[in-house]
Amino acid sequence: MHAVRIYGIANCDRVRKARAWLAKNGVPADFHDFRKDGLPPTMLRRWLKQHDWSELLNRAGTTWRKLPDTRRAAIVSQAEAEALMLEFPALIRRPIIETGGKVRIGFDARDYARS
């Protein structure tokens, strides 16, 4: 079994659900909290190699809605999105799960159960 690492924010509902599902199913996982542990640029770039920036950028959350309209409208490329996600890690869709070199975005219990 590959090591599992979960990234997110501890008080995020989806992160809590993913962590609970992994624990319930006996899958040991390390947790990296963006707020406590930070978000190194190399980590974000690793995820961006497997997923388009538009998949990683959470446009439904409070952090996005609090940004000025001009700031949101300026996010039209990976470079701009990457800089914004590094400035505000809460803008990253959560959880991010890494295992065996594969990066998953979000939590879906059915999808987790299949793999």
Protein backbone atom coordinates (compact mmCIF):
# COMPACT_ATOMS: atom_id res chain seq x y z
CA MET A 1 0.00 0.00 0.00
CA HIS A 2 1.23 3.48 -0.87
CA ALA A 3 1.57 6.13 1.79
CA VAL A 4 -1.38 8.50 1.84
CA ARG A 5 -1.03 12.19 2.53
CA ILE A 6 -4.05 14.46 2.82
CA TYR A 7 -3.81 18.23 2.43
CA GLY A 8 -6.31 20.84 3.45
CA ILE A 9 -7.61 22.84 6.38
CA ALA A 10 -8.56 21.04 9.59
CA ASN A 11 -11.96 22.69 9.98
CA CYS A 12 -13.05 22.07 6.36
CA ASP A 13 -16.08 19.71 6.22
CA ARG A 14 -14.80 17.81 3.19
CA VAL A 15 -11.37 17.36 4.74
CA ARG A 16 -12.97 16.05 7.94
CA LYS A 17 -15.15 13.63 5.94
CA ALA A 18 -12.16 12.37 3.95
CA ARG A 19 -10.05 11.90 7.07
CA ALA A 20 -12.91 10.09 8.83
CA TRP A 21 -13.49 7.81 5.81
CA LEU A 22 -9.80 6.94 5.60
CA ALA A 23 -9.63 6.20 9.34
CA LYS A 24 -12.84 4.13 9.27
CA ASN A 25 -11.47 2.08 6.39
CA GLY A 26 -8.11 1.49 8.02
CA VAL A 27 -6.12 3.68 5.65
CA PRO A 28 -3.36 5.46 7.56
CA ALA A 29 -2.85 8.99 6.34
CA ASP A 30 -0.64 11.91 7.26
CA PHE A 31 -2.35 15.29 7.35
CA HIS A 32 -0.85 18.58 6.16
CA ASP A 33 -2.81 21.66 7.28
CA PHE A 34 -2.27 24.62 4.95
CA ARG A 35 -2.86 27.10 7.77
CA LYS A 36 -0.41 25.51 10.21
CA ASP A 37 2.12 23.89 7.88
CA GLY A 38 2.04 26.35 4.99
CA LEU A 39 1.94 25.72 1.26
CA PRO A 40 5.35 25.50 -0.41
CA PRO A 41 5.34 26.54 -4.09
CA THR A 42 6.91 23.18 -5.04
CA MET A 43 3.90 21.36 -3.59
CA LEU A 44 1.39 23.42 -5.57
CA ARG A 45 3.43 23.01 -8.76
CA ARG A 46 3.46 19.23 -8.25
CA TRP A 47 -0.34 19.26 -8.18
CA LEU A 48 -0.51 21.56 -11.20
CA LYS A 49 1.47 19.01 -13.21
CA GLN A 50 -1.45 16.59 -12.86
CA HIS A 51 -4.42 18.96 -12.76
CA ASP A 52 -5.34 22.15 -14.54
CA TRP A 53 -5.33 25.25 -12.33
CA SER A 54 -9.07 25.67 -12.90
CA GLU A 55 -9.66 22.29 -11.19
CA LEU A 56 -7.62 23.32 -8.15
CA LEU A 57 -9.03 26.83 -7.72
CA ASN A 58 -12.09 26.80 -5.47
CA ARG A 59 -14.41 29.49 -6.80
CA ALA A 60 -17.30 28.42 -4.56
CA GLY A 61 -15.79 29.23 -1.18
CA THR A 62 -15.88 32.19 1.13
CA THR A 63 -12.29 33.20 0.42
CA TRP A 64 -13.05 33.57 -3.32
CA ARG A 65 -16.26 35.51 -2.67
CA LYS A 66 -14.40 37.93 -0.38
CA LEU A 67 -11.91 38.86 -3.11
CA PRO A 68 -12.63 42.09 -4.99
CA ASP A 69 -14.27 41.56 -8.38
CA THR A 70 -11.23 43.02 -10.13
CA ARG A 71 -8.94 40.49 -8.43
CA ARG A 72 -11.18 37.57 -9.38
CA ALA A 73 -11.47 38.78 -12.98
CA ALA A 74 -7.67 38.93 -13.27
CA ILE A 75 -7.29 35.16 -12.77
CA VAL A 76 -7.09 34.00 -16.38
CA SER A 77 -3.92 31.90 -16.45
CA GLN A 78 -2.02 29.35 -14.41
CA ALA A 79 0.59 31.90 -13.29
CA GLU A 80 -2.06 34.22 -11.85
CA ALA A 81 -4.00 31.37 -10.25
CA GLU A 82 -0.83 29.88 -8.76
CA ALA A 83 0.19 33.21 -7.22
CA LEU A 84 -3.30 33.68 -5.76
CA MET A 85 -3.43 30.13 -4.32
CA LEU A 86 -0.01 30.63 -2.73
CA GLU A 87 -1.23 33.88 -1.19
CA PHE A 88 -4.54 32.35 -0.07
CA PRO A 89 -4.20 28.54 0.33
CA ALA A 90 -7.87 28.37 1.35
CA LEU A 91 -8.62 28.92 -2.35
CA ILE A 92 -7.46 25.38 -3.14
CA ARG A 93 -10.24 22.82 -3.51
CA ARG A 94 -10.05 20.37 -0.66
CA PRO A 95 -9.01 17.86 0.25
CA ILE A 96 -6.00 17.10 -1.89
CA ILE A 97 -4.95 13.46 -1.56
CA GLU A 98 -1.55 12.19 -2.69
CA THR A 99 -0.79 8.50 -2.90
CA GLY A 100 1.56 6.60 -5.16
CA GLY A 101 2.43 9.75 -7.08
CA LYS A 102 -1.23 10.36 -7.95
CA VAL A 103 -3.00 13.57 -6.91
CA ARG A 104 -6.76 13.58 -6.24
CA ILE A 105 -8.90 16.63 -5.67
CA GLY A 106 -11.97 16.57 -3.44
CA PHE A 107 -13.74 13.81 -1.57
CA ASP A 108 -16.26 11.29 -2.87
CA ALA A 109 -16.73 8.19 -0.69
CA ARG A 110 -17.83 6.04 -3.68
CA ASP A 111 -14.72 7.02 -5.62
CA TYR A 112 -12.50 6.31 -2.63
CA ALA A 113 -14.13 2.92 -2.13
CA ARG A 114 -13.40 1.92 -5.76
CA SER A 115 -9.68 2.55 -5.45
